[in-house]
C-alpha atoms as a PDB file:
ATOM      1  CA  UNK A   1    -232.146 -35.950 -69.371  1.00  0.00           C
ATOM      2  CA  UNK A   2    -230.804 -38.706 -67.210  1.00  0.00           C
ATOM      3  CA  UNK A   3    -231.902 -42.274 -67.882  1.00  0.00           C
ATOM      4  CA  UNK A   4    -231.578 -43.140 -64.174  1.00  0.00           C
ATOM      5  CA  UNK A   5    -234.914 -43.256 -62.387  1.00  0.00           C
ATOM      6  CA  UNK A   6    -235.641 -41.312 -59.229  1.00  0.00           C
ATOM      7  CA  UNK A   7    -235.879 -44.509 -57.200  1.00  0.00           C
ATOM      8  CA  UNK A   8    -232.476 -45.688 -58.489  1.00  0.00           C
ATOM      9  CA  UNK A   9    -230.895 -42.363 -57.509  1.00  0.00           C
ATOM     10  CA  UNK A  10    -232.496 -42.569 -54.064  1.00  0.00           C
ATOM     11  CA  UNK A  11    -231.268 -46.139 -53.607  1.00  0.00           C
ATOM     12  CA  UNK A  12    -227.721 -45.086 -54.548  1.00  0.00           C
ATOM     13  CA  UNK A  13    -227.913 -42.237 -52.022  1.00  0.00           C
ATOM     14  CA  UNK A  14    -229.132 -44.616 -49.294  1.00  0.00           C
ATOM     15  CA  UNK A  15    -226.332 -47.086 -50.000  1.00  0.00           C
ATOM     16  CA  UNK A  16    -223.783 -44.258 -49.916  1.00  0.00           C
ATOM     17  CA  UNK A  17    -225.244 -42.989 -46.638  1.00  0.00           C
ATOM     18  CA  UNK A  18    -224.968 -46.439 -45.056  1.00  0.00           C
ATOM     19  CA  UNK A  19    -221.580 -47.554 -46.446  1.00  0.00           C
ATOM     20  CA  UNK A  20    -219.866 -44.283 -47.399  1.00  0.00           C
ATOM     21  CA  UNK A  21    -218.516 -43.206 -50.768  1.00  0.00           C
ATOM     22  CA  UNK A  22    -218.695 -45.745 -53.618  1.00  0.00           C
ATOM     23  CA  UNK A  23    -214.926 -45.452 -54.128  1.00  0.00           C
ATOM     24  CA  UNK A  24    -214.331 -47.156 -50.777  1.00  0.00           C
ATOM     25  CA  UNK A  25    -213.758 -50.780 -51.748  1.00  0.00           C
ATOM     26  CA  UNK A  26    -214.520 -52.171 -48.292  1.00  0.00           C
ATOM     27  CA  UNK A  27    -217.849 -53.931 -47.885  1.00  0.00           C
ATOM     28  CA  UNK A  28    -218.425 -54.138 -51.651  1.00  0.00           C
ATOM     29  CA  UNK A  29    -220.448 -57.333 -51.205  1.00  0.00           C
ATOM     30  CA  UNK A  30    -222.643 -55.778 -48.499  1.00  0.00           C
ATOM     31  CA  UNK A  31    -223.104 -52.629 -50.627  1.00  0.00           C
ATOM     32  CA  UNK A  32    -224.181 -54.760 -53.585  1.00  0.00           C
ATOM     33  CA  UNK A  33    -226.576 -56.810 -51.437  1.00  0.00           C
ATOM     34  CA  UNK A  34    -228.200 -53.736 -49.926  1.00  0.00           C
ATOM     35  CA  UNK A  35    -228.593 -52.103 -53.312  1.00  0.00           C
ATOM     36  CA  UNK A  36    -230.360 -55.132 -54.784  1.00  0.00           C
ATOM     37  CA  UNK A  37    -232.530 -55.585 -51.692  1.00  0.00           C
ATOM     38  CA  UNK A  38    -233.696 -51.974 -51.977  1.00  0.00           C
ATOM     39  CA  UNK A  39    -234.434 -52.395 -55.698  1.00  0.00           C
ATOM     40  CA  UNK A  40    -236.503 -55.500 -54.901  1.00  0.00           C
ATOM     41  CA  UNK A  41    -238.373 -53.571 -52.223  1.00  0.00           C
ATOM     42  CA  UNK A  42    -239.167 -50.784 -54.712  1.00  0.00           C
ATOM     43  CA  UNK A  43    -240.486 -53.343 -57.247  1.00  0.00           C
ATOM     44  CA  UNK A  44    -242.636 -54.975 -54.580  1.00  0.00           C
ATOM     45  CA  UNK A  45    -244.022 -51.611 -53.561  1.00  0.00           C
ATOM     46  CA  UNK A  46    -244.943 -50.778 -57.165  1.00  0.00           C
ATOM     47  CA  UNK A  47    -246.706 -54.109 -57.663  1.00  0.00           C
ATOM     48  CA  UNK A  48    -248.644 -53.696 -54.400  1.00  0.00           C
ATOM     49  CA  UNK A  49    -249.683 -50.206 -55.460  1.00  0.00           C
ATOM     50  CA  UNK A  50    -250.889 -51.517 -58.833  1.00  0.00           C
ATOM     51  CA  UNK A  51    -252.867 -54.278 -57.117  1.00  0.00           C
ATOM     52  CA  UNK A  52    -254.515 -51.745 -54.802  1.00  0.00           C
ATOM     53  CA  UNK A  53    -255.437 -49.576 -57.780  1.00  0.00           C
ATOM     54  CA  UNK A  54    -257.028 -52.554 -59.523  1.00  0.00           C
ATOM     55  CA  UNK A  55    -259.011 -53.448 -56.387  1.00  0.00           C
ATOM     56  CA  UNK A  56    -260.193 -49.857 -55.993  1.00  0.00           C
ATOM     57  CA  UNK A  57    -261.269 -49.749 -59.634  1.00  0.00           C
ATOM     58  CA  UNK A  58    -263.160 -53.014 -59.215  1.00  0.00           C
ATOM     59  CA  UNK A  59    -264.925 -51.726 -56.091  1.00  0.00           C
ATOM     60  CA  UNK A  60    -265.864 -48.517 -57.891  1.00  0.00           C
ATOM     61  CA  UNK A  61    -267.311 -50.560 -60.763  1.00  0.00           C
ATOM     62  CA  UNK A  62    -269.294 -52.717 -58.322  1.00  0.00           C
ATOM     63  CA  UNK A  63    -267.473 -55.950 -59.109  1.00  0.00           C
ATOM     64  CA  UNK A  64    -267.694 -58.769 -56.548  1.00  0.00           C
ATOM     65  CA  UNK A  65    -265.385 -61.497 -57.865  1.00  0.00           C
ATOM     66  CA  UNK A  66    -261.915 -61.650 -59.414  1.00  0.00           C
ATOM     67  CA  UNK A  67    -263.393 -63.070 -62.620  1.00  0.00           C
ATOM     68  CA  UNK A  68    -265.743 -60.097 -62.959  1.00  0.00           C
ATOM     69  CA  UNK A  69    -262.888 -57.720 -62.160  1.00  0.00           C
ATOM     70  CA  UNK A  70    -260.726 -59.178 -64.922  1.00  0.00           C
ATOM     71  CA  UNK A  71    -263.617 -58.936 -67.376  1.00  0.00           C
ATOM     72  CA  UNK A  72    -264.209 -55.282 -66.477  1.00  0.00           C
ATOM     73  CA  UNK A  73    -260.516 -54.451 -66.788  1.00  0.00           C
ATOM     74  CA  UNK A  74    -260.353 -56.213 -70.174  1.00  0.00           C
ATOM     75  CA  UNK A  75    -263.372 -54.208 -71.357  1.00  0.00           C
ATOM     76  CA  UNK A  76    -261.742 -50.966 -70.207  1.00  0.00           C
ATOM     77  CA  UNK A  77    -258.473 -51.871 -71.947  1.00  0.00           C
ATOM     78  CA  UNK A  78    -260.273 -52.830 -75.162  1.00  0.00           C
ATOM     79  CA  UNK A  79    -262.236 -49.583 -75.093  1.00  0.00           C
ATOM     80  CA  UNK A  80    -259.048 -47.578 -74.556  1.00  0.00           C
ATOM     81  CA  UNK A  81    -257.259 -49.444 -77.367  1.00  0.00           C
ATOM     82  CA  UNK A  82    -260.179 -48.861 -79.750  1.00  0.00           C
ATOM     83  CA  UNK A  83    -260.012 -45.135 -79.036  1.00  0.00           C
ATOM     84  CA  UNK A  84    -256.345 -45.061 -80.020  1.00  0.00           C
ATOM     85  CA  UNK A  85    -256.906 -45.962 -83.644  1.00  0.00           C
ATOM     86  CA  UNK A  86    -254.601 -44.781 -86.378  1.00  0.00           C
ATOM     87  CA  UNK A  87    -255.314 -41.330 -87.746  1.00  0.00           C
ATOM     88  CA  UNK A  88    -255.660 -40.908 -91.472  1.00  0.00           C
ATOM     89  CA  UNK A  89    -252.841 -39.092 -93.234  1.00  0.00           C
ATOM     90  CA  UNK A  90    -253.881 -36.196 -95.412  1.00  0.00           C
ATOM     91  CA  UNK A  91    -251.382 -35.346 -98.107  1.00  0.00           C
ATOM     92  CA  UNK A  92    -251.536 -31.841 -99.433  1.00  0.00           C
ATOM     93  CA  UNK A  93    -249.740 -30.414-102.420  1.00  0.00           C
ATOM     94  CA  UNK A  94    -249.589 -26.968-100.848  1.00  0.00           C
ATOM     95  CA  UNK A  95    -245.825 -26.625-101.165  1.00  0.00           C
ATOM     96  CA  UNK A  96    -246.029 -25.790-104.885  1.00  0.00           C
ATOM     97  CA  UNK A  97    -243.633 -28.546-105.984  1.00  0.00           C
ATOM     98  CA  UNK A  98    -244.648 -30.400-109.113  1.00  0.00           C
ATOM     99  CA  UNK A  99    -247.568 -28.115-109.987  1.00  0.00           C
END
């Protein structure tokens, strides 16, 4: 499996489409600038999407203020963390060793 994200691959393809093959050394500075601008745009898009999701969750919970929204989100996170407790380990001597 590749460690490169889908957005990084898409950004590389866009840069190649605009400036040609990466082996072409001309416009290396412009290629670099475009690549970083597109990465910044992807990060901004992700943060805006997360903010919209939080607002939608707050509206669904009937929250009116930011303070109430944060409290509701903290309660949800605490509830989720409590449900992810550590499972107990059961040791069995069923393999016959030492009996």
